[in-house]
Amino acid sequence: RDLTVTGVQTCALPILLVGLAFFSEEVGARVTGYSGPINMMVGLDLTGSLRGVTVIDHQEPYGPRSIEQPIFERQFIGKHVRQMFHVGTDIDTVSGATITVRAATDAIRRGSRRMMRAYLQSRQTEPSS
């Protein structure tokens, strides 16, 4: 069975699904940072907890010292899609790169919530065995 988000096929559900992964711009969570679009790849487990975040592409001038740093990506691991993801509160920012960090965080938050919502809706429409 296919799982779709905003009309885009994002993955085919195998017999044993262990998680969800997506590119932020492919699930309608495209964001623009200070200098252009930021595309992230995000992994979720089936309970809605983030398991991995990777910056795929960006043109941010401060990206190497902000969103490209492993510490930026690691701070999302274990967060649940229902959490705030609020920059400055539960997500660290970098002085001089606030716009970049906010945009990347927004892509992660919106994309994760859309994927989880689509997954849960697909579970509701599955035929009973």
N, C-alpha and C. Protein backbone atom coordinates (compact mmCIF):
# COMPACT_ATOMS: atom_id res chain seq x y z
N ARG A 1 0.84 -1.17 0.00
CA ARG A 1 0.00 0.00 0.00
C ARG A 1 0.89 1.24 0.00
N ASP A 2 0.53 2.26 -0.73
CA ASP A 2 1.33 3.48 -0.82
C ASP A 2 0.87 4.51 0.20
N LEU A 3 1.84 5.22 0.74
CA LEU A 3 1.59 6.33 1.65
C LEU A 3 1.86 7.60 0.87
N THR A 4 0.88 8.48 0.78
CA THR A 4 1.08 9.72 0.03
C THR A 4 0.92 10.93 0.94
N VAL A 5 1.67 11.95 0.63
CA VAL A 5 1.60 13.22 1.35
C VAL A 5 1.48 14.30 0.29
N THR A 6 0.47 15.11 0.40
CA THR A 6 0.19 16.19 -0.56
C THR A 6 0.25 15.70 -2.00
N GLY A 7 -0.26 14.49 -2.24
CA GLY A 7 -0.35 13.97 -3.59
C GLY A 7 0.94 13.40 -4.15
N VAL A 8 2.01 13.36 -3.37
CA VAL A 8 3.30 12.84 -3.83
C VAL A 8 3.53 11.50 -3.18
N GLN A 9 3.80 10.47 -3.98
CA GLN A 9 4.10 9.17 -3.40
C GLN A 9 5.47 9.26 -2.73
N THR A 10 5.52 8.99 -1.43
CA THR A 10 6.78 9.13 -0.71
C THR A 10 7.41 7.79 -0.36
N CYS A 11 6.61 6.76 -0.20
CA CYS A 11 7.18 5.45 0.06
C CYS A 11 6.10 4.39 -0.08
N ALA A 12 6.50 3.18 -0.36
CA ALA A 12 5.59 2.06 -0.39
C ALA A 12 5.72 1.34 0.94
N LEU A 13 4.59 1.02 1.55
CA LEU A 13 4.63 0.37 2.86
C LEU A 13 4.96 -1.12 2.70
N PRO A 14 6.08 -1.56 3.24
CA PRO A 14 6.41 -2.98 3.16
C PRO A 14 5.64 -3.77 4.22
N ILE A 15 5.85 -5.05 4.24
CA ILE A 15 5.16 -5.91 5.20
C ILE A 15 5.53 -5.52 6.63
N LEU A 16 6.81 -5.25 6.88
CA LEU A 16 7.25 -4.86 8.22
C LEU A 16 7.83 -3.45 8.16
N LEU A 17 7.00 -2.49 8.44
CA LEU A 17 7.43 -1.09 8.43
C LEU A 17 8.04 -0.76 9.79
N VAL A 18 9.24 -0.22 9.78
CA VAL A 18 9.91 0.13 11.04
C VAL A 18 10.04 1.63 11.24
N GLY A 19 9.79 2.41 10.20
CA GLY A 19 9.90 3.85 10.33
C GLY A 19 9.56 4.55 9.04
N LEU A 20 9.68 5.86 9.05
CA LEU A 20 9.39 6.71 7.90
C LEU A 20 10.58 7.62 7.67
N ALA A 21 10.89 7.88 6.41
CA ALA A 21 11.95 8.82 6.06
C ALA A 21 11.46 9.69 4.91
N PHE A 22 11.88 10.94 4.92
CA PHE A 22 11.40 11.84 3.87
C PHE A 22 12.39 12.99 3.65
N PHE A 23 12.30 13.57 2.45
CA PHE A 23 12.99 14.82 2.13
C PHE A 23 11.98 15.94 2.39
N SER A 24 12.38 16.94 3.15
CA SER A 24 11.44 17.99 3.56
C SER A 24 10.73 18.64 2.39
N GLU A 25 11.43 18.94 1.31
CA GLU A 25 10.77 19.65 0.20
C GLU A 25 9.81 18.76 -0.57
N GLU A 26 9.91 17.43 -0.42
CA GLU A 26 9.00 16.53 -1.14
C GLU A 26 7.70 16.29 -0.40
N VAL A 27 7.61 16.72 0.84
CA VAL A 27 6.36 16.55 1.59
C VAL A 27 5.69 17.89 1.88
N GLY A 28 6.03 18.89 1.10
CA GLY A 28 5.40 20.19 1.24
C GLY A 28 5.96 21.02 2.37
N ALA A 29 7.17 20.69 2.84
CA ALA A 29 7.79 21.46 3.92
C ALA A 29 9.02 22.19 3.40
N ARG A 30 8.91 22.72 2.19
CA ARG A 30 10.02 23.48 1.60
C ARG A 30 10.13 24.81 2.31
N VAL A 31 11.34 25.13 2.72
CA VAL A 31 11.58 26.40 3.41
C VAL A 31 12.72 27.14 2.76
N THR A 32 12.72 28.44 2.96
CA THR A 32 13.79 29.28 2.47
C THR A 32 14.48 29.89 3.67
N GLY A 33 15.79 29.71 3.74
CA GLY A 33 16.59 30.31 4.81
C GLY A 33 16.98 31.72 4.42
N TYR A 34 18.13 32.14 4.88
CA TYR A 34 18.63 33.48 4.59
C TYR A 34 18.95 33.65 3.10
N SER A 35 19.55 32.61 2.49
CA SER A 35 20.03 32.74 1.11
C SER A 35 19.34 31.83 0.10
N GLY A 36 18.42 30.99 0.52
CA GLY A 36 17.77 30.10 -0.42
C GLY A 36 17.15 28.91 0.28
N PRO A 37 16.68 27.94 -0.54
CA PRO A 37 16.01 26.78 0.03
C PRO A 37 16.94 25.90 0.86
N ILE A 38 16.35 25.25 1.85
CA ILE A 38 17.06 24.27 2.68
C ILE A 38 16.29 22.97 2.56
N ASN A 39 16.97 21.89 2.17
CA ASN A 39 16.33 20.58 2.07
C ASN A 39 16.95 19.66 3.11
N MET A 40 16.10 19.01 3.87
CA MET A 40 16.52 18.11 4.93
C MET A 40 15.99 16.71 4.66
N MET A 41 16.69 15.70 5.14
CA MET A 41 16.15 14.35 5.18
C MET A 41 15.93 14.02 6.65
N VAL A 42 14.74 13.50 6.94
CA VAL A 42 14.36 13.24 8.32
C VAL A 42 13.85 11.81 8.43
N GLY A 43 14.21 11.14 9.51
CA GLY A 43 13.71 9.80 9.80
C GLY A 43 12.91 9.81 11.09
N LEU A 44 11.79 9.09 11.07
CA LEU A 44 10.90 8.98 12.23
C LEU A 44 10.66 7.52 12.54
N ASP A 45 10.45 7.20 13.82
CA ASP A 45 9.96 5.86 14.11
C ASP A 45 8.43 5.91 14.06
N LEU A 46 7.79 4.79 14.24
CA LEU A 46 6.33 4.73 14.06
C LEU A 46 5.55 5.30 15.25
N THR A 47 6.25 5.72 16.30
CA THR A 47 5.57 6.38 17.41
C THR A 47 5.59 7.90 17.25
N GLY A 48 6.33 8.40 16.24
CA GLY A 48 6.41 9.84 16.00
C GLY A 48 7.64 10.50 16.57
N SER A 49 8.62 9.70 17.00
CA SER A 49 9.88 10.25 17.50
C SER A 49 10.90 10.35 16.37
N LEU A 50 11.61 11.46 16.33
CA LEU A 50 12.64 11.63 15.30
C LEU A 50 13.84 10.75 15.62
N ARG A 51 14.36 10.10 14.59
CA ARG A 51 15.49 9.19 14.73
C ARG A 51 16.72 9.64 13.96
N GLY A 52 16.55 10.56 13.04
CA GLY A 52 17.69 11.07 12.29
C GLY A 52 17.32 12.30 11.50
N VAL A 53 18.28 13.22 11.38
CA VAL A 53 18.12 14.45 10.61
C VAL A 53 19.42 14.69 9.87
N THR A 54 19.34 14.98 8.59
CA THR A 54 20.52 15.29 7.79
C THR A 54 20.23 16.45 6.86
N VAL A 55 21.12 17.40 6.81
CA VAL A 55 21.00 18.50 5.85
C VAL A 55 21.45 17.96 4.50
N ILE A 56 20.59 18.05 3.51
CA ILE A 56 20.90 17.55 2.17
C ILE A 56 21.47 18.65 1.28
N ASP A 57 20.83 19.82 1.30
CA ASP A 57 21.25 20.89 0.41
C ASP A 57 20.83 22.24 0.97
N HIS A 58 21.69 23.22 0.79
CA HIS A 58 21.38 24.60 1.20
C HIS A 58 22.42 25.53 0.57
N GLN A 59 22.14 26.83 0.60
CA GLN A 59 23.07 27.86 0.14
C GLN A 59 23.33 28.88 1.25
N GLU A 60 23.18 28.47 2.48
CA GLU A 60 23.30 29.40 3.60
C GLU A 60 24.76 29.78 3.85
N PRO A 61 25.03 31.08 4.01
CA PRO A 61 26.42 31.51 4.23
C PRO A 61 26.98 31.01 5.57
N TYR A 62 26.10 30.82 6.56
CA TYR A 62 26.56 30.35 7.87
C TYR A 62 26.22 28.89 8.12
N GLY A 63 25.82 28.18 7.08
CA GLY A 63 25.49 26.76 7.21
C GLY A 63 26.60 25.92 7.81
N PRO A 64 27.85 26.12 7.37
CA PRO A 64 28.93 25.30 7.93
C PRO A 64 29.10 25.44 9.44
N ARG A 65 28.68 26.57 10.00
CA ARG A 65 28.83 26.71 11.45
C ARG A 65 27.49 26.64 12.18
N SER A 66 26.45 26.25 11.46
CA SER A 66 25.13 26.14 12.11
C SER A 66 24.46 24.82 11.76
N ILE A 67 23.70 24.77 10.66
CA ILE A 67 22.91 23.57 10.37
C ILE A 67 23.73 22.40 9.85
N GLU A 68 24.96 22.62 9.43
CA GLU A 68 25.81 21.51 9.00
C GLU A 68 26.51 20.84 10.17
N GLN A 69 26.48 21.44 11.33
CA GLN A 69 27.16 20.87 12.48
C GLN A 69 26.38 19.66 13.01
N PRO A 70 27.07 18.57 13.35
CA PRO A 70 26.38 17.39 13.90
C PRO A 70 25.54 17.71 15.13
N ILE A 71 25.96 18.67 15.93
CA ILE A 71 25.20 19.01 17.13
C ILE A 71 23.81 19.56 16.78
N PHE A 72 23.69 20.26 15.65
CA PHE A 72 22.38 20.75 15.21
C PHE A 72 21.46 19.57 14.93
N GLU A 73 21.94 18.62 14.16
CA GLU A 73 21.13 17.46 13.78
C GLU A 73 20.80 16.59 14.99
N ARG A 74 21.77 16.39 15.88
CA ARG A 74 21.57 15.51 17.04
C ARG A 74 20.51 16.03 18.01
N GLN A 75 20.33 17.34 18.09
CA GLN A 75 19.38 17.85 19.08
C GLN A 75 17.93 17.50 18.77
N PHE A 76 17.66 17.02 17.56
CA PHE A 76 16.29 16.62 17.20
C PHE A 76 16.01 15.16 17.52
N ILE A 77 17.04 14.35 17.64
CA ILE A 77 16.85 12.91 17.85
C ILE A 77 16.16 12.68 19.19
N GLY A 78 15.07 11.92 19.12
CA GLY A 78 14.28 11.62 20.31
C GLY A 78 13.12 12.58 20.53
N LYS A 79 13.13 13.71 19.83
CA LYS A 79 11.99 14.64 19.96
C LYS A 79 10.78 14.02 19.27
N HIS A 80 9.62 14.30 19.81
CA HIS A 80 8.37 13.79 19.25
C HIS A 80 7.72 14.87 18.38
N VAL A 81 7.00 14.45 17.36
CA VAL A 81 6.37 15.40 16.44
C VAL A 81 5.42 16.36 17.14
N ARG A 82 4.94 16.01 18.31
CA ARG A 82 4.03 16.89 19.05
C ARG A 82 4.75 17.96 19.86
N GLN A 83 6.07 17.85 19.97
CA GLN A 83 6.82 18.87 20.71
C GLN A 83 6.88 20.16 19.91
N MET A 84 7.26 21.25 20.59
CA MET A 84 7.24 22.58 19.99
C MET A 84 8.30 22.80 18.91
N PHE A 85 9.53 22.33 19.12
CA PHE A 85 10.66 22.64 18.24
C PHE A 85 10.82 24.15 18.16
N HIS A 86 10.90 24.80 19.28
CA HIS A 86 10.98 26.25 19.34
C HIS A 86 12.44 26.69 19.47
N VAL A 87 12.92 27.40 18.44
CA VAL A 87 14.31 27.88 18.44
C VAL A 87 14.51 28.85 19.59
N GLY A 88 15.53 28.61 20.36
CA GLY A 88 15.83 29.44 21.51
C GLY A 88 15.31 28.86 22.82
N THR A 89 14.39 27.90 22.72
CA THR A 89 13.85 27.25 23.91
C THR A 89 14.31 25.80 23.97
N ASP A 90 13.82 24.98 23.04
CA ASP A 90 14.24 23.58 23.04
C ASP A 90 15.12 23.22 21.83
N ILE A 91 15.37 24.20 20.97
CA ILE A 91 16.30 24.04 19.84
C ILE A 91 17.33 25.17 19.96
N ASP A 92 18.60 24.81 19.96
CA ASP A 92 19.66 25.81 20.08
C ASP A 92 19.84 26.57 18.77
N THR A 93 20.15 27.83 18.88
CA THR A 93 20.44 28.66 17.71
C THR A 93 21.93 29.01 17.70
N VAL A 94 22.36 29.62 16.63
CA VAL A 94 23.74 30.07 16.48
C VAL A 94 23.69 31.56 16.19
N SER A 95 24.45 32.33 16.93
CA SER A 95 24.48 33.77 16.72
C SER A 95 24.88 34.07 15.28
N GLY A 96 24.10 34.88 14.61
CA GLY A 96 24.37 35.24 13.22
C GLY A 96 23.72 34.30 12.22
N ALA A 97 23.13 33.20 12.69
CA ALA A 97 22.50 32.24 11.78
C ALA A 97 21.08 31.90 12.22
N THR A 98 20.43 32.81 12.91
CA THR A 98 19.10 32.54 13.45
C THR A 98 18.09 32.24 12.36
N ILE A 99 18.10 32.97 11.26
CA ILE A 99 17.15 32.73 10.17
C ILE A 99 17.35 31.33 9.60
N THR A 100 18.58 30.93 9.41
CA THR A 100 18.89 29.60 8.88
C THR A 100 18.40 28.51 9.82
N VAL A 101 18.70 28.64 11.09
CA VAL A 101 18.29 27.63 12.08
C VAL A 101 16.77 27.56 12.18
N ARG A 102 16.10 28.71 12.19
CA ARG A 102 14.63 28.71 12.25
C ARG A 102 14.02 28.05 11.02
N ALA A 103 14.55 28.33 9.85
CA ALA A 103 14.02 27.74 8.62
C ALA A 103 14.21 26.22 8.61
N ALA A 104 15.40 25.76 8.97
CA ALA A 104 15.66 24.32 9.00
C ALA A 104 14.78 23.63 10.03
N THR A 105 14.62 24.24 11.19
CA THR A 105 13.76 23.68 12.24
C THR A 105 12.32 23.60 11.77
N ASP A 106 11.87 24.64 11.07
CA ASP A 106 10.51 24.64 10.54
C ASP A 106 10.31 23.51 9.54
N ALA A 107 11.29 23.27 8.67
CA ALA A 107 11.19 22.18 7.70
C ALA A 107 11.09 20.84 8.41
N ILE A 108 11.86 20.65 9.44
CA ILE A 108 11.84 19.39 10.19
C ILE A 108 10.50 19.22 10.89
N ARG A 109 10.04 20.26 11.57
CA ARG A 109 8.77 20.19 12.31
C ARG A 109 7.59 19.94 11.37
N ARG A 110 7.45 20.76 10.34
CA ARG A 110 6.30 20.62 9.45
C ARG A 110 6.31 19.31 8.68
N GLY A 111 7.49 18.94 8.17
CA GLY A 111 7.59 17.68 7.42
C GLY A 111 7.29 16.47 8.29
N SER A 112 7.81 16.47 9.50
CA SER A 112 7.58 15.34 10.42
C SER A 112 6.11 15.20 10.76
N ARG A 113 5.48 16.31 11.02
CA ARG A 113 4.06 16.27 11.37
C ARG A 113 3.21 15.81 10.18
N ARG A 114 3.55 16.27 8.99
CA ARG A 114 2.81 15.83 7.80
C ARG A 114 2.98 14.34 7.54
N MET A 115 4.20 13.86 7.67
CA MET A 115 4.45 12.43 7.45
C MET A 115 3.72 11.58 8.48
N MET A 116 3.78 11.97 9.74
CA MET A 116 3.12 11.19 10.79
C MET A 116 1.62 11.21 10.60
N ARG A 117 1.07 12.37 10.24
CA ARG A 117 -0.37 12.47 10.00
C ARG A 117 -0.79 11.56 8.85
N ALA A 118 -0.02 11.57 7.76
CA ALA A 118 -0.34 10.72 6.61
C ALA A 118 -0.23 9.24 6.98
N TYR A 119 0.79 8.90 7.76
CA TYR A 119 0.94 7.51 8.19
C TYR A 119 -0.24 7.07 9.05
N LEU A 120 -0.63 7.89 10.01
CA LEU A 120 -1.75 7.52 10.89
C LEU A 120 -3.06 7.44 10.11
N GLN A 121 -3.26 8.33 9.15
CA GLN A 121 -4.47 8.26 8.33
C GLN A 121 -4.48 7.00 7.47
N SER A 122 -3.32 6.60 6.96
CA SER A 122 -3.26 5.38 6.15
C SER A 122 -3.57 4.16 7.00
N ARG A 123 -3.21 4.18 8.26
CA ARG A 123 -3.50 3.06 9.18
C ARG A 123 -5.01 2.96 9.44
N GLN A 124 -5.69 4.09 9.47
CA GLN A 124 -7.13 4.09 9.73
C GLN A 124 -7.91 3.52 8.55
N THR A 125 -7.35 3.63 7.35
CA THR A 125 -8.10 3.17 6.17
C THR A 125 -7.68 1.76 5.73
N GLU A 126 -6.75 1.12 6.46
CA GLU A 126 -6.35 -0.24 6.11
C GLU A 126 -7.49 -1.19 6.40
N PRO A 127 -7.72 -2.17 5.51
CA PRO A 127 -8.74 -3.16 5.78
C PRO A 127 -8.32 -4.06 6.94
N SER A 128 -9.28 -4.46 7.74
CA SER A 128 -8.99 -5.36 8.87
C SER A 128 -8.76 -6.77 8.35
N SER A 129 -7.85 -7.49 9.03
CA SER A 129 -7.55 -8.87 8.62
C SER A 129 -8.48 -9.82 9.32
